[in-house]
Amino acid sequence: MIRVLTQSETLEHTTRRKIMRKLLKNKAFLREIAKDLKIPTSTAAYHLKRLTEAGLLEETRGVYHSWYRLTNRGRQVVEQNAPIELEPRLEHVAAAT
């Protein structure tokens, strides 16, 4: 049996908070979220499932895609929290020989 995380446990993960911030503006589908956050689709799917189980997101299934949006509770949580800064991505540069 999979344990559903509490709201505070759900929000401990930076990726989940970033997903919620993105969804504050508009609903989005899985691939769009993954692309915008520069994370694998499987990672986005995992976090979207956790947020949905916690009651912070709502999933609307279409024929080809599932759309996600914040629930009223999710919107309140995002608006009460401080802004989330995006972490800079490190670029690997080959050392000159």
Protein backbone atom coordinates (compact mmCIF):
# COMPACT_ATOMS: atom_id res chain seq x y z
CA MET A 1 0.00 0.00 0.00
CA ILE A 2 1.32 3.44 -0.93
CA ARG A 3 1.21 6.05 1.80
CA VAL A 4 -0.22 9.43 0.79
CA LEU A 5 2.05 12.26 1.89
CA THR A 6 0.80 15.02 4.13
CA GLN A 7 0.61 18.52 2.68
CA SER A 8 3.78 19.61 4.49
CA GLU A 9 5.69 16.51 3.33
CA THR A 10 4.50 17.13 -0.21
CA LEU A 11 5.77 20.70 -0.19
CA GLU A 12 9.20 19.79 1.18
CA HIS A 13 10.40 18.94 -2.32
CA THR A 14 11.59 21.88 -4.43
CA THR A 15 10.37 20.34 -7.69
CA ARG A 16 6.83 20.05 -6.34
CA ARG A 17 6.83 23.68 -5.26
CA LYS A 18 8.10 24.71 -8.72
CA ILE A 19 5.33 22.71 -10.39
CA MET A 20 2.74 24.42 -8.21
CA ARG A 21 4.17 27.87 -9.02
CA LYS A 22 3.95 27.08 -12.72
CA LEU A 23 0.34 25.99 -12.38
CA LEU A 24 -0.59 29.18 -10.54
CA LYS A 25 -0.80 30.95 -13.92
CA ASN A 26 -2.39 28.29 -16.15
CA LYS A 27 -3.28 24.65 -16.33
CA ALA A 28 -0.69 22.49 -18.09
CA PHE A 29 -0.07 18.96 -19.25
CA LEU A 30 2.69 16.60 -18.21
CA ARG A 31 5.14 17.13 -21.08
CA GLU A 32 4.77 20.89 -20.92
CA ILE A 33 5.58 20.89 -17.21
CA ALA A 34 8.57 18.59 -17.69
CA LYS A 35 9.91 20.70 -20.56
CA ASP A 36 9.51 24.02 -18.74
CA LEU A 37 11.18 22.72 -15.57
CA LYS A 38 13.86 20.84 -17.54
CA ILE A 39 13.14 17.54 -15.78
CA PRO A 40 12.40 14.06 -17.17
CA THR A 41 8.75 13.32 -17.93
CA SER A 42 8.84 10.40 -15.47
CA THR A 43 10.01 12.74 -12.69
CA ALA A 44 7.25 15.23 -13.45
CA ALA A 45 4.67 12.42 -13.50
CA TYR A 46 5.82 11.19 -10.10
CA HIS A 47 5.55 14.63 -8.51
CA LEU A 48 2.21 15.40 -10.20
CA LYS A 49 0.81 12.18 -8.77
CA ARG A 50 1.99 13.08 -5.27
CA LEU A 51 0.53 16.60 -5.50
CA THR A 52 -2.78 15.21 -6.77
CA GLU A 53 -2.93 12.64 -3.96
CA ALA A 54 -2.36 15.43 -1.44
CA GLY A 55 -5.34 17.34 -2.85
CA LEU A 56 -3.26 20.24 -4.14
CA LEU A 57 -3.76 19.50 -7.85
CA GLU A 58 -6.65 18.31 -9.94
CA GLU A 59 -6.17 16.08 -12.97
CA THR A 60 -8.51 16.26 -15.96
CA ARG A 61 -8.03 13.32 -18.31
CA GLY A 62 -8.44 13.90 -22.01
CA VAL A 63 -8.19 11.51 -24.92
CA TYR A 64 -4.44 12.03 -25.37
CA HIS A 65 -3.28 14.13 -22.42
CA SER A 66 -4.06 14.77 -18.80
CA TRP A 67 -4.26 18.40 -17.76
CA TYR A 68 -3.28 19.53 -14.28
CA ARG A 69 -4.40 22.60 -12.40
CA LEU A 70 -4.27 23.82 -8.82
CA THR A 71 -7.20 23.10 -6.58
CA ASN A 72 -8.49 25.97 -4.44
CA ARG A 73 -6.49 24.52 -1.56
CA GLY A 74 -3.38 24.28 -3.77
CA ARG A 75 -3.80 27.89 -4.89
CA GLN A 76 -4.04 29.05 -1.27
CA VAL A 77 -0.87 27.13 -0.37
CA VAL A 78 1.10 28.67 -3.24
CA GLU A 79 -0.10 32.19 -2.53
CA GLN A 80 0.84 31.90 1.17
CA ASN A 81 4.36 30.65 0.50
CA ALA A 82 7.34 32.80 -0.40
CA PRO A 83 8.38 32.95 -4.05
CA ILE A 84 10.46 30.01 -5.21
CA GLU A 85 13.69 30.93 -6.90
CA LEU A 86 14.73 28.72 -9.78
CA GLU A 87 18.06 27.08 -9.12
CA PRO A 88 20.73 27.88 -11.71
CA ARG A 89 21.69 24.94 -13.89
CA LEU A 90 25.38 24.13 -13.90
CA GLU A 91 26.96 23.85 -17.31
CA HIS A 92 29.76 21.34 -17.64
CA VAL A 93 32.63 22.83 -19.55
CA ALA A 94 35.45 20.62 -20.77
CA ALA A 95 38.77 21.72 -19.49
CA ALA A 96 41.12 23.07 -22.16
CA THR A 97 44.17 20.95 -22.67
